Amino acid sequence: MQTLRSPLIVIVIFATCFCLNASAQSSVDCTKLLKKEIDPDSARNMENDVADHADCFGLDSIGIKIFADRTTLRALLVKNASASTGKLTYANLLSDINKAKKDTGYYNPLRNLVIAQTTLEATKISVASWDSSVKLLKVIGMPDSEMENFHQFLLEKKDKNWNYRQLVTAYRMKQMDAPKTKN
């Protein structure tokens, strides 16, 4: 029993040291990343850095969809470049992301929109999911005046193995193809 206990203690100590080292390494990586100068001509690298190191920016999966986006990042960079004469770092970007997250009039509705879109993309169309999907469809901008026609379209396509995003796209395409009526 004594001989079994000794290797077990060594394994536990080794695992603990490994976990502590990995935790310390993560914070060192964030510190290094935040000091790193941003290359304004490399949007792809910026997107990857923000997405790959989301914890450094305090982003969850929804925050990544919002802020690890080329258009959003470029807008933040342009704002930062015009206000600054020094080099731009990821710390500047973090500051801007935190300011945007505090602007609840902008961030909360955008976050709710992304959550609704993500949920609809993950939801297969069915008559059973219609009631819960109506609320999400309204969040993404489906007008009440179109809801009944959209529901009818869902009933026509209910046998397709589509998610709601595919259904909305097909519905919009059908609307574009429909002849315009004159009043």
N, C-alpha and C. Protein backbone atom coordinates (compact mmCIF):
# COMPACT_ATOMS: atom_id res chain seq x y z
N MET A 1 0.82 -1.20 0.00
CA MET A 1 0.00 0.00 0.00
C MET A 1 0.86 1.26 0.00
N GLN A 2 1.98 1.22 0.77
CA GLN A 2 2.89 2.36 0.84
C GLN A 2 3.51 2.65 -0.53
N THR A 3 3.86 1.60 -1.28
CA THR A 3 4.49 1.80 -2.59
C THR A 3 3.51 2.36 -3.61
N LEU A 4 2.24 2.08 -3.46
CA LEU A 4 1.22 2.62 -4.36
C LEU A 4 0.94 4.09 -4.05
N ARG A 5 0.99 4.45 -2.77
CA ARG A 5 0.68 5.80 -2.34
C ARG A 5 1.74 6.80 -2.84
N SER A 6 2.99 6.41 -2.84
CA SER A 6 4.08 7.30 -3.24
C SER A 6 3.96 7.76 -4.70
N PRO A 7 3.75 6.85 -5.68
CA PRO A 7 3.58 7.31 -7.06
C PRO A 7 2.32 8.15 -7.24
N LEU A 8 1.29 7.85 -6.48
CA LEU A 8 0.05 8.61 -6.57
C LEU A 8 0.27 10.05 -6.12
N ILE A 9 1.02 10.22 -5.05
CA ILE A 9 1.34 11.57 -4.55
C ILE A 9 2.16 12.33 -5.60
N VAL A 10 3.12 11.68 -6.21
CA VAL A 10 3.93 12.31 -7.25
C VAL A 10 3.06 12.74 -8.42
N ILE A 11 2.13 11.91 -8.83
CA ILE A 11 1.24 12.23 -9.94
C ILE A 11 0.36 13.43 -9.60
N VAL A 12 -0.19 13.45 -8.39
CA VAL A 12 -1.04 14.56 -7.97
C VAL A 12 -0.24 15.86 -7.93
N ILE A 13 0.96 15.81 -7.40
CA ILE A 13 1.81 17.01 -7.34
C ILE A 13 2.15 17.48 -8.75
N PHE A 14 2.50 16.56 -9.62
CA PHE A 14 2.84 16.91 -11.00
C PHE A 14 1.64 17.53 -11.71
N ALA A 15 0.45 16.94 -11.54
CA ALA A 15 -0.76 17.47 -12.18
C ALA A 15 -1.08 18.86 -11.66
N THR A 16 -0.92 19.07 -10.36
CA THR A 16 -1.18 20.38 -9.77
C THR A 16 -0.21 21.42 -10.33
N CYS A 17 1.06 21.08 -10.41
CA CYS A 17 2.05 22.01 -10.96
C CYS A 17 1.75 22.33 -12.42
N PHE A 18 1.36 21.31 -13.18
CA PHE A 18 1.03 21.51 -14.59
C PHE A 18 -0.15 22.46 -14.74
N CYS A 19 -1.19 22.27 -13.92
CA CYS A 19 -2.37 23.13 -14.00
C CYS A 19 -2.03 24.57 -13.60
N LEU A 20 -1.24 24.72 -12.56
CA LEU A 20 -0.85 26.06 -12.14
C LEU A 20 0.00 26.74 -13.20
N ASN A 21 0.89 26.01 -13.85
CA ASN A 21 1.72 26.55 -14.90
C ASN A 21 0.87 26.96 -16.10
N ALA A 22 -0.10 26.13 -16.46
CA ALA A 22 -0.97 26.46 -17.59
C ALA A 22 -1.78 27.70 -17.29
N SER A 23 -2.24 27.84 -16.06
CA SER A 23 -3.00 29.02 -15.66
C SER A 23 -2.12 30.27 -15.72
N ALA A 24 -0.91 30.18 -15.23
CA ALA A 24 0.02 31.32 -15.26
C ALA A 24 0.39 31.67 -16.70
N GLN A 25 0.56 30.65 -17.54
CA GLN A 25 0.91 30.88 -18.94
C GLN A 25 -0.18 31.66 -19.65
N SER A 26 -1.44 31.35 -19.35
CA SER A 26 -2.56 32.02 -19.97
C SER A 26 -2.53 33.52 -19.67
N SER A 27 -2.27 33.88 -18.40
CA SER A 27 -2.23 35.30 -18.05
C SER A 27 -1.02 35.98 -18.68
N VAL A 28 0.09 35.28 -18.81
CA VAL A 28 1.26 35.85 -19.48
C VAL A 28 0.93 36.10 -20.95
N ASP A 29 0.25 35.15 -21.59
CA ASP A 29 -0.14 35.33 -22.99
C ASP A 29 -1.03 36.55 -23.16
N CYS A 30 -1.98 36.75 -22.24
CA CYS A 30 -2.86 37.92 -22.32
C CYS A 30 -2.06 39.20 -22.16
N THR A 31 -1.16 39.20 -21.21
CA THR A 31 -0.33 40.39 -20.99
C THR A 31 0.48 40.71 -22.23
N LYS A 32 1.07 39.68 -22.83
CA LYS A 32 1.85 39.89 -24.06
C LYS A 32 0.97 40.36 -25.19
N LEU A 33 -0.20 39.73 -25.34
CA LEU A 33 -1.10 40.11 -26.42
C LEU A 33 -1.56 41.55 -26.29
N LEU A 34 -1.92 41.96 -25.09
CA LEU A 34 -2.42 43.32 -24.90
C LEU A 34 -1.34 44.37 -25.16
N LYS A 35 -0.07 44.01 -25.01
CA LYS A 35 1.02 44.94 -25.31
C LYS A 35 1.38 44.94 -26.79
N LYS A 36 0.93 43.92 -27.50
CA LYS A 36 1.29 43.75 -28.91
C LYS A 36 0.67 44.86 -29.77
N GLU A 37 1.49 45.40 -30.66
CA GLU A 37 1.01 46.43 -31.58
C GLU A 37 0.15 45.79 -32.66
N ILE A 38 -0.92 46.48 -33.02
CA ILE A 38 -1.85 45.98 -34.03
C ILE A 38 -1.38 46.44 -35.41
N ASP A 39 -1.34 45.51 -36.34
CA ASP A 39 -1.05 45.83 -37.73
C ASP A 39 -2.38 46.15 -38.41
N PRO A 40 -2.65 47.43 -38.70
CA PRO A 40 -3.95 47.80 -39.26
C PRO A 40 -4.22 47.20 -40.64
N ASP A 41 -3.17 46.71 -41.30
CA ASP A 41 -3.36 46.11 -42.62
C ASP A 41 -3.65 44.60 -42.54
N SER A 42 -3.70 44.06 -41.35
CA SER A 42 -3.90 42.62 -41.21
C SER A 42 -5.16 42.34 -40.39
N ALA A 43 -6.30 42.55 -41.02
CA ALA A 43 -7.58 42.33 -40.35
C ALA A 43 -7.76 40.86 -39.97
N ARG A 44 -7.30 39.96 -40.81
CA ARG A 44 -7.46 38.53 -40.54
C ARG A 44 -6.72 38.15 -39.25
N ASN A 45 -5.50 38.66 -39.07
CA ASN A 45 -4.75 38.37 -37.84
C ASN A 45 -5.48 38.92 -36.62
N MET A 46 -6.05 40.12 -36.77
CA MET A 46 -6.79 40.72 -35.67
C MET A 46 -7.99 39.87 -35.29
N GLU A 47 -8.75 39.45 -36.29
CA GLU A 47 -9.91 38.59 -36.04
C GLU A 47 -9.50 37.33 -35.30
N ASN A 48 -8.43 36.70 -35.80
CA ASN A 48 -7.95 35.46 -35.19
C ASN A 48 -7.47 35.69 -33.76
N ASP A 49 -6.73 36.77 -33.55
CA ASP A 49 -6.23 37.06 -32.20
C ASP A 49 -7.38 37.26 -31.21
N VAL A 50 -8.39 38.01 -31.62
CA VAL A 50 -9.52 38.26 -30.72
C VAL A 50 -10.30 36.97 -30.47
N ALA A 51 -10.55 36.20 -31.53
CA ALA A 51 -11.30 34.95 -31.37
C ALA A 51 -10.51 33.90 -30.59
N ASP A 52 -9.22 33.78 -30.89
CA ASP A 52 -8.39 32.76 -30.23
C ASP A 52 -8.10 33.10 -28.77
N HIS A 53 -8.11 34.38 -28.44
CA HIS A 53 -7.79 34.81 -27.08
C HIS A 53 -8.96 35.59 -26.49
N ALA A 54 -10.17 35.08 -26.71
CA ALA A 54 -11.38 35.76 -26.26
C ALA A 54 -11.36 36.03 -24.76
N ASP A 55 -10.75 35.13 -24.00
CA ASP A 55 -10.68 35.33 -22.55
C ASP A 55 -9.88 36.58 -22.19
N CYS A 56 -8.92 36.94 -23.02
CA CYS A 56 -8.13 38.16 -22.77
C CYS A 56 -8.99 39.42 -22.94
N PHE A 57 -10.05 39.30 -23.72
CA PHE A 57 -10.93 40.44 -23.99
C PHE A 57 -12.24 40.35 -23.23
N GLY A 58 -12.40 39.31 -22.41
CA GLY A 58 -13.62 39.14 -21.64
C GLY A 58 -14.83 38.81 -22.50
N LEU A 59 -14.61 38.04 -23.57
CA LEU A 59 -15.69 37.73 -24.51
C LEU A 59 -16.16 36.29 -24.37
N ASP A 60 -17.47 36.11 -24.39
CA ASP A 60 -18.04 34.77 -24.47
C ASP A 60 -18.33 34.48 -25.94
N SER A 61 -19.02 33.40 -26.23
CA SER A 61 -19.25 33.00 -27.63
C SER A 61 -20.04 34.06 -28.40
N ILE A 62 -20.95 34.75 -27.74
CA ILE A 62 -21.73 35.81 -28.41
C ILE A 62 -20.84 37.03 -28.62
N GLY A 63 -20.05 37.37 -27.62
CA GLY A 63 -19.12 38.50 -27.75
C GLY A 63 -18.13 38.29 -28.87
N ILE A 64 -17.70 37.04 -29.07
CA ILE A 64 -16.78 36.73 -30.17
C ILE A 64 -17.45 37.02 -31.50
N LYS A 65 -18.71 36.61 -31.64
CA LYS A 65 -19.43 36.86 -32.90
C LYS A 65 -19.56 38.36 -33.17
N ILE A 66 -19.68 39.14 -32.12
CA ILE A 66 -19.84 40.58 -32.30
C ILE A 66 -18.50 41.27 -32.55
N PHE A 67 -17.50 40.96 -31.72
CA PHE A 67 -16.26 41.73 -31.76
C PHE A 67 -15.13 41.10 -32.57
N ALA A 68 -15.18 39.80 -32.85
CA ALA A 68 -14.13 39.18 -33.68
C ALA A 68 -14.60 39.18 -35.13
N ASP A 69 -15.11 40.31 -35.52
CA ASP A 69 -15.66 40.51 -36.86
C ASP A 69 -14.86 41.63 -37.53
N ARG A 70 -14.47 41.39 -38.75
CA ARG A 70 -13.61 42.34 -39.46
C ARG A 70 -14.19 43.75 -39.50
N THR A 71 -15.48 43.87 -39.79
CA THR A 71 -16.11 45.19 -39.89
C THR A 71 -16.08 45.91 -38.55
N THR A 72 -16.43 45.20 -37.49
CA THR A 72 -16.43 45.80 -36.16
C THR A 72 -15.02 46.20 -35.75
N LEU A 73 -14.06 45.31 -35.97
CA LEU A 73 -12.68 45.61 -35.59
C LEU A 73 -12.13 46.80 -36.36
N ARG A 74 -12.41 46.87 -37.65
CA ARG A 74 -11.94 48.02 -38.44
C ARG A 74 -12.56 49.32 -37.95
N ALA A 75 -13.85 49.29 -37.61
CA ALA A 75 -14.50 50.49 -37.09
C ALA A 75 -13.84 50.95 -35.79
N LEU A 76 -13.53 50.00 -34.91
CA LEU A 76 -12.86 50.35 -33.66
C LEU A 76 -11.46 50.89 -33.92
N LEU A 77 -10.77 50.31 -34.90
CA LEU A 77 -9.42 50.78 -35.24
C LEU A 77 -9.44 52.18 -35.82
N VAL A 78 -10.37 52.45 -36.70
CA VAL A 78 -10.46 53.78 -37.32
C VAL A 78 -10.73 54.83 -36.24
N LYS A 79 -11.64 54.51 -35.34
CA LYS A 79 -11.94 55.42 -34.23
C LYS A 79 -10.70 55.65 -33.39
N ASN A 80 -9.98 54.59 -33.10
CA ASN A 80 -8.78 54.66 -32.28
C ASN A 80 -7.66 55.40 -32.99
N ALA A 81 -7.50 55.14 -34.28
CA ALA A 81 -6.42 55.78 -35.05
C ALA A 81 -6.62 57.28 -35.15
N SER A 82 -7.86 57.71 -35.30
CA SER A 82 -8.10 59.14 -35.42
C SER A 82 -7.94 59.87 -34.09
N ALA A 83 -8.10 59.15 -32.98
CA ALA A 83 -7.98 59.77 -31.66
C ALA A 83 -6.59 59.64 -31.07
N SER A 84 -5.73 58.85 -31.69
CA SER A 84 -4.42 58.57 -31.11
C SER A 84 -3.30 58.91 -32.07
N THR A 85 -2.21 59.34 -31.50
CA THR A 85 -1.03 59.61 -32.33
C THR A 85 0.03 58.53 -32.13
N GLY A 86 -0.15 57.71 -31.10
CA GLY A 86 0.81 56.64 -30.80
C GLY A 86 0.44 55.35 -31.50
N LYS A 87 1.16 54.31 -31.13
CA LYS A 87 0.89 53.00 -31.72
C LYS A 87 -0.39 52.42 -31.12
N LEU A 88 -1.08 51.64 -31.92
CA LEU A 88 -2.30 50.97 -31.47
C LEU A 88 -1.95 49.58 -30.98
N THR A 89 -2.43 49.25 -29.80
CA THR A 89 -2.17 47.93 -29.23
C THR A 89 -3.50 47.24 -28.97
N TYR A 90 -3.39 45.97 -28.64
CA TYR A 90 -4.60 45.23 -28.28
C TYR A 90 -5.20 45.75 -26.98
N ALA A 91 -4.42 46.41 -26.16
CA ALA A 91 -4.96 47.05 -24.95
C ALA A 91 -5.91 48.17 -25.34
N ASN A 92 -5.57 48.93 -26.40
CA ASN A 92 -6.49 49.96 -26.90
C ASN A 92 -7.80 49.32 -27.38
N LEU A 93 -7.66 48.20 -28.08
CA LEU A 93 -8.83 47.49 -28.58
C LEU A 93 -9.68 46.99 -27.41
N LEU A 94 -9.04 46.43 -26.39
CA LEU A 94 -9.77 45.96 -25.20
C LEU A 94 -10.53 47.11 -24.56
N SER A 95 -9.92 48.27 -24.47
CA SER A 95 -10.58 49.44 -23.90
C SER A 95 -11.83 49.79 -24.71
N ASP A 96 -11.71 49.77 -26.03
CA ASP A 96 -12.86 50.08 -26.89
C ASP A 96 -13.95 49.04 -26.77
N ILE A 97 -13.56 47.77 -26.68
CA ILE A 97 -14.56 46.70 -26.51
C ILE A 97 -15.30 46.89 -25.19
N ASN A 98 -14.58 47.21 -24.14
CA ASN A 98 -15.22 47.42 -22.84
C ASN A 98 -16.15 48.62 -22.86
N LYS A 99 -15.77 49.69 -23.56
CA LYS A 99 -16.65 50.85 -23.69
C LYS A 99 -17.91 50.48 -24.46
N ALA A 100 -17.76 49.72 -25.53
CA ALA A 100 -18.91 49.31 -26.34
C ALA A 100 -19.85 48.42 -25.51
N LYS A 101 -19.28 47.55 -24.69
CA LYS A 101 -20.11 46.66 -23.86
C LYS A 101 -20.87 47.44 -22.79
N LYS A 102 -20.32 48.56 -22.35
CA LYS A 102 -21.00 49.39 -21.35
C LYS A 102 -22.12 50.23 -21.95
N ASP A 103 -22.07 50.44 -23.26
CA ASP A 103 -23.12 51.20 -23.96
C ASP A 103 -24.31 50.27 -24.16
N THR A 104 -25.13 50.14 -23.10
CA THR A 104 -26.21 49.15 -23.11
C THR A 104 -27.27 49.45 -24.18
N GLY A 105 -27.39 50.69 -24.59
CA GLY A 105 -28.34 51.01 -25.65
C GLY A 105 -27.91 50.44 -26.99
N TYR A 106 -26.63 50.18 -27.13
CA TYR A 106 -26.09 49.59 -28.36
C TYR A 106 -25.82 48.10 -28.18
N TYR A 107 -25.13 47.76 -27.12
CA TYR A 107 -24.63 46.39 -26.95
C TYR A 107 -25.73 45.39 -26.64
N ASN A 108 -26.63 45.72 -25.71
CA ASN A 108 -27.66 44.75 -25.33
C ASN A 108 -28.57 44.36 -26.49
N PRO A 109 -29.09 45.33 -27.26
CA PRO A 109 -29.91 44.92 -28.41
C PRO A 109 -29.11 44.12 -29.45
N LEU A 110 -27.86 44.51 -29.67
CA LEU A 110 -27.03 43.77 -30.62
C LEU A 110 -26.77 42.35 -30.11
N ARG A 111 -26.51 42.24 -28.84
CA ARG A 111 -26.28 40.92 -28.23
C ARG A 111 -27.55 40.05 -28.35
N ASN A 112 -28.71 40.65 -28.06
CA ASN A 112 -29.97 39.91 -28.19
C ASN A 112 -30.22 39.47 -29.63
N LEU A 113 -29.86 40.33 -30.58
CA LEU A 113 -30.01 39.99 -31.99
C LEU A 113 -29.12 38.79 -32.36
N VAL A 114 -27.89 38.82 -31.93
CA VAL A 114 -26.96 37.72 -32.24
C VAL A 114 -27.41 36.42 -31.56
N ILE A 115 -27.91 36.52 -30.34
CA ILE A 115 -28.43 35.33 -29.65
C ILE A 115 -29.62 34.76 -30.42
N ALA A 116 -30.53 35.64 -30.86
CA ALA A 116 -31.70 35.18 -31.62
C ALA A 116 -31.27 34.53 -32.93
N GLN A 117 -30.34 35.16 -33.64
CA GLN A 117 -29.85 34.58 -34.90
C GLN A 117 -29.20 33.22 -34.67
N THR A 118 -28.37 33.14 -33.66
CA THR A 118 -27.67 31.89 -33.35
C THR A 118 -28.67 30.79 -32.97
N THR A 119 -29.66 31.14 -32.19
CA THR A 119 -30.67 30.16 -31.78
C THR A 119 -31.47 29.69 -32.99
N LEU A 120 -31.87 30.62 -33.85
CA LEU A 120 -32.63 30.24 -35.05
C LEU A 120 -31.80 29.38 -36.00
N GLU A 121 -30.51 29.67 -36.09
CA GLU A 121 -29.63 28.85 -36.93
C GLU A 121 -29.53 27.42 -36.40
N ALA A 122 -29.66 27.27 -35.11
CA ALA A 122 -29.51 25.94 -34.49
C ALA A 122 -30.84 25.19 -34.39
N THR A 123 -31.94 25.86 -34.72
CA THR A 123 -33.27 25.26 -34.56
C THR A 123 -33.80 24.77 -35.90
N LYS A 124 -34.09 23.49 -35.96
CA LYS A 124 -34.70 22.91 -37.16
C LYS A 124 -36.16 23.36 -37.22
N ILE A 125 -36.61 23.65 -38.44
CA ILE A 125 -38.00 24.10 -38.58
C ILE A 125 -38.95 22.96 -38.26
N SER A 126 -40.01 23.31 -37.55
CA SER A 126 -41.08 22.36 -37.27
C SER A 126 -42.28 23.14 -36.78
N VAL A 127 -43.42 22.54 -36.92
CA VAL A 127 -44.64 23.16 -36.42
C VAL A 127 -44.55 23.30 -34.91
N ALA A 128 -43.94 22.32 -34.25
CA ALA A 128 -43.83 22.33 -32.79
C ALA A 128 -42.96 23.47 -32.27
N SER A 129 -41.97 23.90 -33.04
CA SER A 129 -41.08 24.97 -32.57
C SER A 129 -41.57 26.36 -32.96
N TRP A 130 -42.69 26.45 -33.64
CA TRP A 130 -43.17 27.73 -34.16
C TRP A 130 -43.39 28.77 -33.07
N ASP A 131 -44.13 28.42 -32.02
CA ASP A 131 -44.46 29.41 -30.99
C ASP A 131 -43.23 30.04 -30.35
N SER A 132 -42.24 29.22 -30.03
CA SER A 132 -41.02 29.77 -29.42
C SER A 132 -40.19 30.54 -30.45
N SER A 133 -40.29 30.17 -31.70
CA SER A 133 -39.50 30.83 -32.74
C SER A 133 -40.06 32.20 -33.12
N VAL A 134 -41.35 32.41 -32.92
CA VAL A 134 -41.97 33.71 -33.26
C VAL A 134 -41.27 34.85 -32.53
N LYS A 135 -41.00 34.66 -31.24
CA LYS A 135 -40.33 35.71 -30.45
C LYS A 135 -38.95 36.03 -31.04
N LEU A 136 -38.23 34.99 -31.41
CA LEU A 136 -36.88 35.19 -31.97
C LEU A 136 -36.96 35.84 -33.35
N LEU A 137 -37.95 35.46 -34.13
CA LEU A 137 -38.13 36.07 -35.46
C LEU A 137 -38.41 37.56 -35.34
N LYS A 138 -39.17 37.94 -34.31
CA LYS A 138 -39.44 39.36 -34.08
C LYS A 138 -38.15 40.10 -33.70
N VAL A 139 -37.31 39.45 -32.90
CA VAL A 139 -36.04 40.08 -32.49
C VAL A 139 -35.16 40.34 -33.72
N ILE A 140 -35.15 39.42 -34.70
CA ILE A 140 -34.31 39.63 -35.88
C ILE A 140 -34.97 40.54 -36.91
N GLY A 141 -36.19 41.02 -36.62
CA GLY A 141 -36.79 42.02 -37.48
C GLY A 141 -37.93 41.56 -38.38
N MET A 142 -38.46 40.37 -38.16
CA MET A 142 -39.61 39.91 -38.95
C MET A 142 -40.83 40.70 -38.49
N PRO A 143 -41.44 41.47 -39.39
CA PRO A 143 -42.61 42.28 -38.99
C PRO A 143 -43.82 41.39 -38.68
N ASP A 144 -44.65 41.87 -37.76
CA ASP A 144 -45.88 41.15 -37.42
C ASP A 144 -46.75 40.93 -38.65
N SER A 145 -46.73 41.90 -39.56
CA SER A 145 -47.56 41.82 -40.76
C SER A 145 -47.17 40.65 -41.68
N GLU A 146 -45.95 40.15 -41.55
CA GLU A 146 -45.50 39.03 -42.39
C GLU A 146 -45.57 37.68 -41.67
N MET A 147 -45.86 37.70 -40.40
CA MET A 147 -45.77 36.48 -39.60
C MET A 147 -46.71 35.39 -40.09
N GLU A 148 -47.93 35.73 -40.45
CA GLU A 148 -48.88 34.71 -40.91
C GLU A 148 -48.43 34.11 -42.24
N ASN A 149 -47.98 34.94 -43.18
CA ASN A 149 -47.47 34.42 -44.46
C ASN A 149 -46.23 33.55 -44.24
N PHE A 150 -45.38 33.96 -43.33
CA PHE A 150 -44.18 33.19 -43.04
C PHE A 150 -44.56 31.84 -42.42
N HIS A 151 -45.56 31.86 -41.55
CA HIS A 151 -46.03 30.62 -40.94
C HIS A 151 -46.57 29.67 -42.02
N GLN A 152 -47.32 30.21 -42.97
CA GLN A 152 -47.82 29.39 -44.07
C GLN A 152 -46.66 28.80 -44.88
N PHE A 153 -45.64 29.62 -45.09
CA PHE A 153 -44.46 29.16 -45.82
C PHE A 153 -43.78 28.02 -45.06
N LEU A 154 -43.70 28.16 -43.74
CA LEU A 154 -43.13 27.09 -42.90
C LEU A 154 -43.94 25.80 -43.07
N LEU A 155 -45.26 25.92 -43.08
CA LEU A 155 -46.10 24.72 -43.23
C LEU A 155 -45.86 24.04 -44.58
N GLU A 156 -45.61 24.85 -45.62
CA GLU A 156 -45.30 24.29 -46.95
C GLU A 156 -43.95 23.57 -46.94
N LYS A 157 -43.00 24.05 -46.17
CA LYS A 157 -41.63 23.53 -46.18
C LYS A 157 -41.30 22.65 -44.97
N LYS A 158 -42.30 22.30 -44.18
CA LYS A 158 -42.04 21.60 -42.91
C LYS A 158 -41.31 20.27 -43.07
N ASP A 159 -41.37 19.66 -44.25
CA ASP A 159 -40.69 18.38 -44.45
C ASP A 159 -39.22 18.54 -44.84
N LYS A 160 -38.79 19.77 -45.07
CA LYS A 160 -37.38 20.02 -45.39
C LYS A 160 -36.57 19.91 -44.10
N ASN A 161 -35.34 19.52 -44.23
CA ASN A 161 -34.44 19.43 -43.09
C ASN A 161 -33.67 20.76 -42.97
N TRP A 162 -34.41 21.83 -42.77
CA TRP A 162 -33.84 23.18 -42.73
C TRP A 162 -33.86 23.72 -41.31
N ASN A 163 -32.97 24.69 -41.09
CA ASN A 163 -33.08 25.47 -39.86
C ASN A 163 -33.83 26.76 -40.21
N TYR A 164 -34.10 27.58 -39.21
CA TYR A 164 -34.89 28.79 -39.46
C TYR A 164 -34.15 29.80 -40.33
N ARG A 165 -32.85 29.81 -40.28
CA ARG A 165 -32.10 30.72 -41.15
C ARG A 165 -32.33 30.36 -42.61
N GLN A 166 -32.27 29.08 -42.91
CA GLN A 166 -32.51 28.63 -44.28
C GLN A 166 -33.94 28.94 -44.71
N LEU A 167 -34.88 28.78 -43.79
CA LEU A 167 -36.28 29.07 -44.10
C LEU A 167 -36.47 30.57 -44.36
N VAL A 168 -35.88 31.42 -43.54
CA VAL A 168 -36.00 32.87 -43.74
C VAL A 168 -35.39 33.26 -45.09
N THR A 169 -34.24 32.69 -45.42
CA THR A 169 -33.59 32.99 -46.70
C THR A 169 -34.47 32.58 -47.86
N ALA A 170 -35.04 31.37 -47.80
CA ALA A 170 -35.93 30.89 -48.87
C ALA A 170 -37.18 31.77 -48.97
N TYR A 171 -37.70 32.20 -47.83
CA TYR A 171 -38.87 33.07 -47.80
C TYR A 171 -38.56 34.42 -48.46
N ARG A 172 -37.42 34.99 -48.13
CA ARG A 172 -37.02 36.27 -48.73
C ARG A 172 -36.81 36.13 -50.25
N MET A 173 -36.21 35.02 -50.66
CA MET A 173 -36.01 34.78 -52.09
C MET A 173 -37.36 34.66 -52.80
N LYS A 174 -38.30 33.99 -52.17
CA LYS A 174 -39.64 33.86 -52.75
C LYS A 174 -40.29 35.23 -52.88
N GLN A 175 -40.12 36.07 -51.88
CA GLN A 175 -40.68 37.42 -51.92
C GLN A 175 -40.07 38.24 -53.05
N MET A 176 -38.76 38.08 -53.27
CA MET A 176 -38.09 38.83 -54.34
C MET A 176 -38.55 38.36 -55.71
N ASP A 177 -38.87 37.07 -55.82
CA ASP A 177 -39.31 36.52 -57.10
C ASP A 177 -40.77 36.78 -57.38
N ALA A 178 -41.56 37.10 -56.34
CA ALA A 178 -42.99 37.32 -56.52
C ALA A 178 -43.22 38.60 -57.32
N PRO A 179 -44.17 38.56 -58.26
CA PRO A 179 -44.47 39.78 -59.03
C PRO A 179 -45.03 40.85 -58.10
N LYS A 180 -44.62 42.06 -58.36
CA LYS A 180 -45.08 43.21 -57.57
C LYS A 180 -46.48 43.61 -58.04
N THR A 181 -47.38 43.83 -57.05
CA THR A 181 -48.72 44.25 -57.41
C THR A 181 -48.80 45.76 -57.32
N LYS A 182 -49.53 46.34 -58.26
CA LYS A 182 -49.69 47.80 -58.26
C LYS A 182 -50.96 48.16 -57.52
N ASN A 183 -50.92 49.25 -56.77
CA ASN A 183 -52.08 49.70 -56.01
C ASN A 183 -52.90 50.64 -56.81
